[in-house]
Amino acid sequence: MIGSGIFSLSGKQAANVAGPAVILSFVVAALVCLLAAACYAELSSTIPVSGSAYTFSYVTFGEMWAWLVGWALVLELVTAAAIVARVWSAYFLATLNGFGVVLPDGLAQFFGPEAKVNLVAPLLILLLTAMIVTGTKLSSRVLTVVVAAKVAVILLIVVVGATHIKMENFKPFVPMERPAPATANPTLLGWMLDSSFGSFGLMGIFTAASAIVFAFIGFDLIATASEDARNPRKTVPQGMLLGVVVVTVLYVAVAIVMVGLRPYGQLGGAAPVSEAMEAVGEGWAADVVNLGALLALMTVIMVVLIAQSRVLFNMGRDGLLPKSLGRVSRVYSSPARAATAAGLAALALTLYPKVVELEELLVIGALFCFAFCAVGVLRLRRTEPNLERGFRVPLVPLIPLLSLAATLWLMLNLKTGTWTKFGIWMLIGLAIYGLYGRWHSRLANEESWDFEVGDTDPGTGGLQVIRHEPTELRVDRTPPKSNRGKHMRN
């Protein structure tokens, strides 16, 4: 979760959308994500199988809706990997400059996040993909060190930056609303109300919050590793909820310090946090921030690619994508083909010069999944009230309904251009499902489904709730022999 959202996106939203009130935008985004995390926590403790929202939707709503959610997850994760890789290249250049290594202009132009040709980001994606394909994993000890280093960098920013805060930088806390330029892309809410909401003002807080959800993406990815957890019914919900709470405290603290260091109009650079530290004469701290950002962003990319490979792996096991994606390599003991596909897709997107501007596309994919999880909690509570749940959302149906309403509100505050791109993406997904997935899925061919040598777990398509006792949930992974299409009809 600690990645480019706090190291890059926060400054851009403060400079162009919300001003000092970006602090409130972080709070709004955190509340939405906390509500969504509660829904994810219940579903992951009820269905402790890898695949996250895709698997939850398969069990709760059926194959076609699961495909749409999985397709949105693909959009979210591929875009996240590409954007973070581009931001990493900017911090890499800033780190070199901080240590006195100044690249010639002819070479430096290939490093920036908005460079027409970026050489660093694709190479980084290629390296991390190779590590994932060969089965390389970050051990718990390495991950502990990485997380500790990221938190230490955040605390350094807060402690050192707090001594340079100027209260005048917080005024006005909510800048006067500015009308949108005639050529500006309006939010969906503004388009629906025929009102040209501009930047700043009260609406600027919510517009920025819609993009800042990007900074919290990560808690939902914990569910993709449920099958690897020793006690997923307990530890996965704990990881999600505690993660959101901890990073919220860290993010709000950094936002307060960052806004206090410089006038908000100067926070729109490629590396706003380290630039703010340099502006107040703390160059050494800026160098540490850059190093911490490099470490943080690299692990974020790796985790996102692993999560993407898991989603593709599950969709391949279910036959919605080519079955070869749902196999584990005999050489590397990893879903090598799914990991390769995930890496190549992210690499291709990093070549797009304006990929950093697609952060809202990532957010809308995540919010789409949030909405399905909120409805999924309500549906399973009604249809399967006796399932074993390691975590139960309190105050049902209030909390899931609040989560759904908050998610839809943020989606309305995304730009119409984002909705257009998302609509095109989902139409492509429906076409793929109609032409391929529907006819090749395990569900449609359950009586003749065969498992070749090298195939692994039959996949989520065979998930069935079998209750021998009122509180028992067992995942049956053998293809059903009768009741053809029963799950799809349900």
Foldseek 3Di string as FASTA:
>chain_A
DAACLLQALLLQLCQFFAPLLLLVLLVLLLVLLLLLLQLQLFQCLQVLAAQFLLLLCCQQPNDVVSLLLLLLLLLLLLLLLLLLLQLLLVLVQVLCVLVPNHDPPVVNLQRHSLRLHHDRSLVLLVVLLVCVLLPNDQDPVNVVVLVVLLVVLLVLLLVVLVVQFDPVLCPPVFDDFDFAPPPDFAFLLCVVVVHRGGHTDPLSSLLSSLLSNLSVPDLSLLSNCSVVDPNRLAVSSVSSNVVSVVVSVSSSSNSNSLSRQDRSNPQNDSRRSLVSCVVSPNSVSSSSSSVSNSSRSSVVSSSSLLSQLSNQLQCLLQQLDPVLQVFADPNNRHSNVSSVVSSVSSSVLSSRSCSNVLSSLSSLSVLVSSLSSLVSLVSCCVPQVLEAHSRHNPPPPVSSVVSNVSSVSSSSSHGVVSVVVNVVSSVVSVVSCVVTRVCRGCLQVLQPDDDDPRHDQSHSNQADFDPPDSHDGDGDRRRDNDPRCVSNVD
